[in-house]
Amino acid sequence: MDDSTRIRLDRLAPLRGEWSLEAVFPGAPPSDLRGRVSFEWGPERALMVERWEVPIAEAPDGVAILAPAEDGEELIQHYFDSRGVTRRYATDLLDGVWTLRKLSSGFAQRFRGELSADGATIAGAWEKADEGSTAWEHDFDLIYRRLG
């Protein structure tokens, strides 16, 4: 792995650890249900592994691998969930902002989350758009809170 690829991957370091996960859907009543997500380095710190569990039947559990793209130019999240859904997202964490952007065809999807100054919270939101549309609409908020 070259130095520039290592630097890009190291930008994900603030994600490392255990987090609670709260999804807030428009129009839905408040809920005390929280998921859990963990981020840990993989072998030789060449990738990051994300695992999550959500105590809501409609929300999938899953795993994702965050790693450099084959060409090393960007970081990719390879997403797999308990529904059998697989996706690929471009991802990065720059200047305290974590972004994900769906790469495959079909509906468009993106996430933007801001890491708090103390690194204890990521407050973000998912947006979606129909295929071919440039009109993004808010899907739901997602809030990560560091545990321990």
N, C-alpha and C. Protein backbone atom coordinates (compact mmCIF):
# COMPACT_ATOMS: atom_id res chain seq x y z
N MET A 1 0.85 -1.17 0.00
CA MET A 1 0.00 0.00 0.00
C MET A 1 0.90 1.23 0.00
N ASP A 2 0.66 2.14 -0.95
CA ASP A 2 1.51 3.33 -1.01
C ASP A 2 1.11 4.34 0.07
N ASP A 3 1.96 5.35 0.27
CA ASP A 3 1.73 6.31 1.34
C ASP A 3 0.45 7.11 1.18
N SER A 4 0.09 7.51 -0.04
CA SER A 4 -1.12 8.30 -0.23
C SER A 4 -2.37 7.48 0.08
N THR A 5 -2.35 6.19 -0.25
CA THR A 5 -3.48 5.32 0.07
C THR A 5 -3.57 5.14 1.58
N ARG A 6 -2.44 4.96 2.25
CA ARG A 6 -2.41 4.81 3.71
C ARG A 6 -2.96 6.07 4.38
N ILE A 7 -2.60 7.23 3.87
CA ILE A 7 -3.08 8.49 4.44
C ILE A 7 -4.59 8.58 4.31
N ARG A 8 -5.14 8.22 3.13
CA ARG A 8 -6.60 8.24 2.95
C ARG A 8 -7.28 7.30 3.93
N LEU A 9 -6.75 6.10 4.08
CA LEU A 9 -7.34 5.12 5.00
C LEU A 9 -7.24 5.60 6.45
N ASP A 10 -6.13 6.21 6.81
CA ASP A 10 -5.95 6.70 8.17
C ASP A 10 -6.94 7.80 8.54
N ARG A 11 -7.51 8.47 7.55
CA ARG A 11 -8.51 9.51 7.84
C ARG A 11 -9.75 8.92 8.51
N LEU A 12 -9.95 7.60 8.36
CA LEU A 12 -11.11 6.95 8.98
C LEU A 12 -10.90 6.64 10.46
N ALA A 13 -9.70 6.86 10.97
CA ALA A 13 -9.37 6.51 12.36
C ALA A 13 -10.36 7.06 13.38
N PRO A 14 -10.91 8.27 13.22
CA PRO A 14 -11.87 8.75 14.23
C PRO A 14 -13.12 7.89 14.37
N LEU A 15 -13.41 7.03 13.39
CA LEU A 15 -14.58 6.16 13.47
C LEU A 15 -14.34 4.97 14.40
N ARG A 16 -13.08 4.61 14.60
CA ARG A 16 -12.74 3.40 15.34
C ARG A 16 -13.37 3.41 16.73
N GLY A 17 -13.97 2.26 17.11
CA GLY A 17 -14.57 2.11 18.43
C GLY A 17 -16.01 1.65 18.36
N GLU A 18 -16.68 1.75 19.50
CA GLU A 18 -18.07 1.30 19.66
C GLU A 18 -18.97 2.52 19.75
N TRP A 19 -20.12 2.44 19.08
CA TRP A 19 -21.06 3.55 19.03
C TRP A 19 -22.49 3.04 19.22
N SER A 20 -23.36 3.88 19.79
CA SER A 20 -24.80 3.62 19.70
C SER A 20 -25.27 4.29 18.42
N LEU A 21 -26.38 3.83 17.91
CA LEU A 21 -26.88 4.29 16.62
C LEU A 21 -28.36 4.61 16.75
N GLU A 22 -28.73 5.84 16.43
CA GLU A 22 -30.13 6.27 16.52
C GLU A 22 -30.59 6.77 15.15
N ALA A 23 -31.63 6.16 14.62
CA ALA A 23 -32.24 6.62 13.37
C ALA A 23 -33.50 7.41 13.72
N VAL A 24 -33.65 8.56 13.09
CA VAL A 24 -34.81 9.42 13.33
C VAL A 24 -35.51 9.63 11.98
N PHE A 25 -36.71 9.06 11.86
CA PHE A 25 -37.46 9.13 10.60
C PHE A 25 -38.49 10.25 10.66
N PRO A 26 -38.64 10.99 9.57
CA PRO A 26 -39.63 12.08 9.55
C PRO A 26 -41.03 11.55 9.87
N GLY A 27 -41.71 12.23 10.77
CA GLY A 27 -43.08 11.87 11.11
C GLY A 27 -43.22 10.72 12.08
N ALA A 28 -42.11 10.04 12.40
CA ALA A 28 -42.18 8.91 13.33
C ALA A 28 -42.08 9.42 14.77
N PRO A 29 -42.76 8.76 15.70
CA PRO A 29 -42.66 9.19 17.09
C PRO A 29 -41.25 8.91 17.63
N PRO A 30 -40.81 9.66 18.63
CA PRO A 30 -39.50 9.41 19.23
C PRO A 30 -39.41 7.98 19.76
N SER A 31 -38.23 7.43 19.75
CA SER A 31 -38.02 6.06 20.22
C SER A 31 -36.75 5.97 21.05
N ASP A 32 -36.78 5.08 22.03
CA ASP A 32 -35.59 4.84 22.85
C ASP A 32 -34.74 3.71 22.28
N LEU A 33 -35.20 3.09 21.20
CA LEU A 33 -34.44 1.98 20.61
C LEU A 33 -33.17 2.51 19.96
N ARG A 34 -32.06 1.83 20.23
CA ARG A 34 -30.77 2.22 19.67
C ARG A 34 -30.08 0.97 19.13
N GLY A 35 -29.42 1.15 18.02
CA GLY A 35 -28.57 0.10 17.50
C GLY A 35 -27.17 0.25 18.06
N ARG A 36 -26.32 -0.68 17.69
CA ARG A 36 -24.91 -0.62 18.05
C ARG A 36 -24.09 -0.81 16.80
N VAL A 37 -23.01 -0.08 16.71
CA VAL A 37 -22.11 -0.21 15.57
C VAL A 37 -20.67 -0.16 16.08
N SER A 38 -19.82 -0.95 15.46
CA SER A 38 -18.40 -0.91 15.81
C SER A 38 -17.57 -0.76 14.53
N PHE A 39 -16.47 -0.08 14.68
CA PHE A 39 -15.49 0.08 13.61
C PHE A 39 -14.16 -0.40 14.17
N GLU A 40 -13.48 -1.28 13.43
CA GLU A 40 -12.16 -1.75 13.87
C GLU A 40 -11.27 -1.95 12.65
N TRP A 41 -9.99 -1.81 12.88
CA TRP A 41 -9.03 -2.04 11.79
C TRP A 41 -8.99 -3.51 11.44
N GLY A 42 -8.84 -3.80 10.17
CA GLY A 42 -8.65 -5.16 9.69
C GLY A 42 -7.17 -5.50 9.63
N PRO A 43 -6.83 -6.62 9.02
CA PRO A 43 -5.44 -7.08 8.95
C PRO A 43 -4.50 -6.01 8.41
N GLU A 44 -3.39 -5.85 9.11
CA GLU A 44 -2.33 -4.93 8.70
C GLU A 44 -2.83 -3.49 8.55
N ARG A 45 -3.98 -3.21 9.16
CA ARG A 45 -4.59 -1.88 9.08
C ARG A 45 -4.79 -1.45 7.61
N ALA A 46 -5.07 -2.44 6.77
CA ALA A 46 -5.27 -2.19 5.34
C ALA A 46 -6.74 -1.94 5.01
N LEU A 47 -7.61 -2.09 5.99
CA LEU A 47 -9.04 -1.87 5.80
C LEU A 47 -9.68 -1.65 7.15
N MET A 48 -10.91 -1.18 7.13
CA MET A 48 -11.68 -1.02 8.37
C MET A 48 -12.95 -1.85 8.23
N VAL A 49 -13.32 -2.53 9.32
CA VAL A 49 -14.51 -3.37 9.34
C VAL A 49 -15.56 -2.67 10.21
N GLU A 50 -16.75 -2.51 9.65
CA GLU A 50 -17.88 -1.92 10.36
C GLU A 50 -18.93 -3.01 10.54
N ARG A 51 -19.42 -3.18 11.77
CA ARG A 51 -20.50 -4.14 12.05
C ARG A 51 -21.59 -3.42 12.81
N TRP A 52 -22.86 -3.73 12.46
CA TRP A 52 -23.95 -3.09 13.18
C TRP A 52 -25.09 -4.06 13.42
N GLU A 53 -25.79 -3.81 14.51
CA GLU A 53 -27.01 -4.54 14.88
C GLU A 53 -28.04 -3.51 15.28
N VAL A 54 -29.28 -3.72 14.82
CA VAL A 54 -30.36 -2.79 15.10
C VAL A 54 -31.53 -3.58 15.67
N PRO A 55 -32.07 -3.19 16.85
CA PRO A 55 -33.14 -3.97 17.49
C PRO A 55 -34.54 -3.66 16.93
N ILE A 56 -34.62 -3.43 15.64
CA ILE A 56 -35.89 -3.13 14.98
C ILE A 56 -36.01 -4.08 13.80
N ALA A 57 -37.10 -4.83 13.73
CA ALA A 57 -37.26 -5.86 12.70
C ALA A 57 -37.10 -5.31 11.28
N GLU A 58 -37.57 -4.10 11.03
CA GLU A 58 -37.53 -3.53 9.68
C GLU A 58 -36.14 -3.03 9.29
N ALA A 59 -35.24 -2.87 10.25
CA ALA A 59 -33.91 -2.34 9.97
C ALA A 59 -32.90 -3.49 9.93
N PRO A 60 -32.08 -3.54 8.91
CA PRO A 60 -31.16 -4.67 8.77
C PRO A 60 -29.92 -4.55 9.64
N ASP A 61 -29.41 -5.70 10.08
CA ASP A 61 -28.08 -5.79 10.67
C ASP A 61 -27.12 -5.97 9.50
N GLY A 62 -25.83 -5.74 9.75
CA GLY A 62 -24.92 -5.93 8.63
C GLY A 62 -23.46 -5.72 8.97
N VAL A 63 -22.69 -5.77 7.91
CA VAL A 63 -21.24 -5.57 7.98
C VAL A 63 -20.81 -4.80 6.74
N ALA A 64 -19.80 -4.00 6.89
CA ALA A 64 -19.24 -3.28 5.75
C ALA A 64 -17.72 -3.29 5.88
N ILE A 65 -17.07 -3.33 4.74
CA ILE A 65 -15.62 -3.23 4.68
C ILE A 65 -15.28 -1.90 4.01
N LEU A 66 -14.51 -1.08 4.69
CA LEU A 66 -14.07 0.20 4.15
C LEU A 66 -12.60 0.04 3.78
N ALA A 67 -12.30 0.25 2.50
CA ALA A 67 -10.95 -0.03 2.01
C ALA A 67 -10.66 0.83 0.79
N PRO A 68 -9.40 0.94 0.42
CA PRO A 68 -9.08 1.68 -0.80
C PRO A 68 -9.68 0.99 -2.03
N ALA A 69 -10.10 1.80 -2.99
CA ALA A 69 -10.56 1.27 -4.27
C ALA A 69 -9.40 0.57 -4.96
N GLU A 70 -9.72 -0.25 -5.93
CA GLU A 70 -8.69 -1.01 -6.65
C GLU A 70 -7.60 -0.10 -7.21
N ASP A 71 -7.99 1.08 -7.71
CA ASP A 71 -7.01 2.01 -8.25
C ASP A 71 -6.35 2.86 -7.16
N GLY A 72 -6.82 2.75 -5.92
CA GLY A 72 -6.24 3.47 -4.80
C GLY A 72 -6.60 4.94 -4.75
N GLU A 73 -7.43 5.41 -5.66
CA GLU A 73 -7.74 6.84 -5.73
C GLU A 73 -8.78 7.30 -4.71
N GLU A 74 -9.66 6.40 -4.28
CA GLU A 74 -10.67 6.78 -3.29
C GLU A 74 -10.90 5.61 -2.35
N LEU A 75 -11.67 5.87 -1.31
CA LEU A 75 -12.05 4.82 -0.38
C LEU A 75 -13.45 4.33 -0.73
N ILE A 76 -13.66 3.03 -0.59
CA ILE A 76 -14.92 2.40 -0.91
C ILE A 76 -15.44 1.68 0.32
N GLN A 77 -16.76 1.80 0.55
CA GLN A 77 -17.42 0.99 1.57
C GLN A 77 -18.17 -0.11 0.82
N HIS A 78 -17.83 -1.36 1.11
CA HIS A 78 -18.53 -2.52 0.57
C HIS A 78 -19.54 -2.94 1.64
N TYR A 79 -20.84 -2.78 1.34
CA TYR A 79 -21.93 -2.92 2.31
C TYR A 79 -22.66 -4.24 2.07
N PHE A 80 -22.94 -4.98 3.17
CA PHE A 80 -23.68 -6.24 3.11
C PHE A 80 -24.65 -6.25 4.29
N ASP A 81 -25.94 -6.53 4.05
CA ASP A 81 -26.86 -6.55 5.19
C ASP A 81 -27.68 -7.84 5.26
N SER A 82 -28.42 -7.99 6.34
CA SER A 82 -29.17 -9.22 6.64
C SER A 82 -30.34 -9.45 5.69
N ARG A 83 -30.68 -8.48 4.85
CA ARG A 83 -31.72 -8.68 3.84
C ARG A 83 -31.14 -9.29 2.56
N GLY A 84 -29.81 -9.40 2.51
CA GLY A 84 -29.15 -9.86 1.29
C GLY A 84 -28.78 -8.72 0.36
N VAL A 85 -28.95 -7.47 0.83
CA VAL A 85 -28.61 -6.30 0.02
C VAL A 85 -27.10 -6.08 0.07
N THR A 86 -26.53 -5.83 -1.09
CA THR A 86 -25.12 -5.45 -1.18
C THR A 86 -25.03 -4.14 -1.95
N ARG A 87 -24.16 -3.27 -1.50
CA ARG A 87 -23.98 -1.97 -2.16
C ARG A 87 -22.52 -1.55 -2.05
N ARG A 88 -22.16 -0.59 -2.90
CA ARG A 88 -20.83 0.02 -2.83
C ARG A 88 -21.02 1.53 -2.73
N TYR A 89 -20.28 2.12 -1.81
CA TYR A 89 -20.33 3.56 -1.59
C TYR A 89 -18.91 4.12 -1.65
N ALA A 90 -18.74 5.29 -2.26
CA ALA A 90 -17.51 6.06 -2.08
C ALA A 90 -17.62 6.67 -0.69
N THR A 91 -16.53 6.68 0.06
CA THR A 91 -16.57 7.21 1.42
C THR A 91 -15.29 7.97 1.73
N ASP A 92 -15.38 8.86 2.68
CA ASP A 92 -14.20 9.58 3.16
C ASP A 92 -14.57 10.29 4.46
N LEU A 93 -13.57 10.68 5.20
CA LEU A 93 -13.76 11.48 6.39
C LEU A 93 -12.73 12.60 6.31
N LEU A 94 -13.19 13.78 5.94
CA LEU A 94 -12.33 14.95 5.76
C LEU A 94 -12.83 16.10 6.60
N ASP A 95 -11.92 16.75 7.32
CA ASP A 95 -12.26 17.95 8.11
C ASP A 95 -13.48 17.72 8.99
N GLY A 96 -13.58 16.53 9.59
CA GLY A 96 -14.66 16.23 10.51
C GLY A 96 -15.98 15.90 9.86
N VAL A 97 -16.00 15.70 8.54
CA VAL A 97 -17.23 15.36 7.84
C VAL A 97 -17.07 14.00 7.17
N TRP A 98 -17.93 13.06 7.56
CA TRP A 98 -17.92 11.71 6.99
C TRP A 98 -18.96 11.67 5.88
N THR A 99 -18.57 11.22 4.71
CA THR A 99 -19.49 11.14 3.58
C THR A 99 -19.52 9.73 3.00
N LEU A 100 -20.69 9.37 2.49
CA LEU A 100 -20.90 8.13 1.75
C LEU A 100 -21.76 8.49 0.55
N ARG A 101 -21.44 7.93 -0.61
CA ARG A 101 -22.20 8.17 -1.83
C ARG A 101 -22.33 6.86 -2.58
N LYS A 102 -23.58 6.42 -2.79
CA LYS A 102 -23.84 5.14 -3.47
C LYS A 102 -23.31 5.20 -4.89
N LEU A 103 -22.62 4.13 -5.30
CA LEU A 103 -21.96 4.10 -6.60
C LEU A 103 -22.74 3.36 -7.68
N SER A 104 -23.63 2.46 -7.31
CA SER A 104 -24.32 1.65 -8.31
C SER A 104 -25.56 2.36 -8.85
N SER A 105 -26.08 1.83 -9.95
CA SER A 105 -27.28 2.41 -10.54
C SER A 105 -28.50 2.08 -9.69
N GLY A 106 -29.63 2.60 -10.10
CA GLY A 106 -30.84 2.50 -9.30
C GLY A 106 -31.01 3.81 -8.58
N PHE A 107 -31.71 3.80 -7.47
CA PHE A 107 -31.89 5.06 -6.75
C PHE A 107 -30.55 5.55 -6.23
N ALA A 108 -30.41 6.86 -6.14
CA ALA A 108 -29.18 7.45 -5.61
C ALA A 108 -29.34 7.63 -4.10
N GLN A 109 -28.22 7.55 -3.40
CA GLN A 109 -28.25 7.64 -1.95
C GLN A 109 -26.94 8.25 -1.49
N ARG A 110 -27.02 9.13 -0.48
CA ARG A 110 -25.79 9.71 0.08
C ARG A 110 -26.01 10.05 1.55
N PHE A 111 -24.90 10.09 2.28
CA PHE A 111 -24.89 10.38 3.71
C PHE A 111 -23.84 11.45 3.97
N ARG A 112 -24.17 12.34 4.89
CA ARG A 112 -23.21 13.34 5.36
C ARG A 112 -23.37 13.43 6.86
N GLY A 113 -22.28 13.17 7.59
CA GLY A 113 -22.30 13.23 9.04
C GLY A 113 -21.16 14.07 9.57
N GLU A 114 -21.46 14.91 10.54
CA GLU A 114 -20.45 15.78 11.13
C GLU A 114 -20.01 15.23 12.47
N LEU A 115 -18.70 15.04 12.59
CA LEU A 115 -18.08 14.56 13.81
C LEU A 115 -17.94 15.75 14.77
N SER A 116 -18.41 15.58 16.01
CA SER A 116 -18.29 16.65 17.00
C SER A 116 -16.82 16.90 17.32
N ALA A 117 -16.52 18.08 17.84
CA ALA A 117 -15.14 18.46 18.14
C ALA A 117 -14.47 17.49 19.11
N ASP A 118 -15.26 16.93 20.05
CA ASP A 118 -14.69 15.99 21.01
C ASP A 118 -14.68 14.54 20.50
N GLY A 119 -15.17 14.32 19.27
CA GLY A 119 -15.16 12.99 18.68
C GLY A 119 -16.17 12.03 19.26
N ALA A 120 -17.14 12.54 20.04
CA ALA A 120 -18.09 11.67 20.74
C ALA A 120 -19.40 11.47 19.99
N THR A 121 -19.67 12.28 18.99
CA THR A 121 -20.95 12.22 18.28
C THR A 121 -20.72 12.44 16.78
N ILE A 122 -21.49 11.71 16.00
CA ILE A 122 -21.58 12.00 14.56
C ILE A 122 -23.06 12.25 14.29
N ALA A 123 -23.40 13.46 13.89
CA ALA A 123 -24.78 13.81 13.57
C ALA A 123 -24.89 13.91 12.06
N GLY A 124 -25.73 13.06 11.48
CA GLY A 124 -25.80 13.04 10.03
C GLY A 124 -27.19 12.74 9.51
N ALA A 125 -27.27 12.70 8.19
CA ALA A 125 -28.54 12.43 7.53
C ALA A 125 -28.29 11.72 6.21
N TRP A 126 -29.19 10.81 5.87
CA TRP A 126 -29.22 10.16 4.57
C TRP A 126 -30.19 10.91 3.67
N GLU A 127 -29.81 11.02 2.41
CA GLU A 127 -30.67 11.59 1.39
C GLU A 127 -30.79 10.58 0.26
N LYS A 128 -31.88 10.71 -0.51
CA LYS A 128 -32.09 9.79 -1.63
C LYS A 128 -32.65 10.57 -2.81
N ALA A 129 -32.49 9.98 -4.00
CA ALA A 129 -33.04 10.57 -5.22
C ALA A 129 -33.38 9.43 -6.17
N ASP A 130 -34.44 9.61 -6.95
CA ASP A 130 -34.79 8.62 -7.95
C ASP A 130 -33.70 8.58 -9.01
N GLU A 131 -33.57 7.43 -9.67
CA GLU A 131 -32.56 7.29 -10.71
C GLU A 131 -32.73 8.37 -11.78
N GLY A 132 -31.64 9.03 -12.10
CA GLY A 132 -31.65 10.07 -13.11
C GLY A 132 -32.08 11.43 -12.61
N SER A 133 -32.56 11.51 -11.39
CA SER A 133 -33.03 12.78 -10.83
C SER A 133 -31.88 13.51 -10.14
N THR A 134 -31.94 14.81 -10.15
CA THR A 134 -30.98 15.62 -9.40
C THR A 134 -31.64 16.22 -8.16
N ALA A 135 -32.90 15.85 -7.91
CA ALA A 135 -33.63 16.36 -6.75
C ALA A 135 -33.44 15.42 -5.57
N TRP A 136 -32.62 15.82 -4.62
CA TRP A 136 -32.37 15.03 -3.42
C TRP A 136 -33.45 15.32 -2.40
N GLU A 137 -33.87 14.27 -1.67
CA GLU A 137 -34.82 14.46 -0.58
C GLU A 137 -34.28 13.79 0.68
N HIS A 138 -34.58 14.42 1.81
CA HIS A 138 -34.16 13.89 3.10
C HIS A 138 -34.81 12.54 3.31
N ASP A 139 -34.03 11.55 3.71
CA ASP A 139 -34.58 10.22 4.00
C ASP A 139 -34.75 10.08 5.51
N PHE A 140 -33.64 10.12 6.26
CA PHE A 140 -33.72 10.05 7.72
C PHE A 140 -32.42 10.54 8.32
N ASP A 141 -32.49 10.95 9.60
CA ASP A 141 -31.30 11.35 10.35
C ASP A 141 -30.68 10.11 10.99
N LEU A 142 -29.38 10.14 11.14
CA LEU A 142 -28.67 9.05 11.79
C LEU A 142 -27.65 9.67 12.75
N ILE A 143 -27.74 9.29 14.01
CA ILE A 143 -26.89 9.88 15.04
C ILE A 143 -26.08 8.77 15.71
N TYR A 144 -24.78 8.92 15.69
CA TYR A 144 -23.86 7.99 16.34
C TYR A 144 -23.37 8.65 17.62
N ARG A 145 -23.36 7.87 18.72
CA ARG A 145 -22.81 8.35 19.99
C ARG A 145 -21.80 7.34 20.49
N ARG A 146 -20.59 7.83 20.72
CA ARG A 146 -19.50 6.94 21.14
C ARG A 146 -19.84 6.32 22.50
N LEU A 147 -19.58 5.03 22.64
CA LEU A 147 -19.78 4.31 23.90
C LEU A 147 -18.47 4.17 24.63
N GLY A 148 -18.53 4.21 25.94
CA GLY A 148 -17.34 3.98 26.77
C GLY A 148 -16.29 5.02 26.54
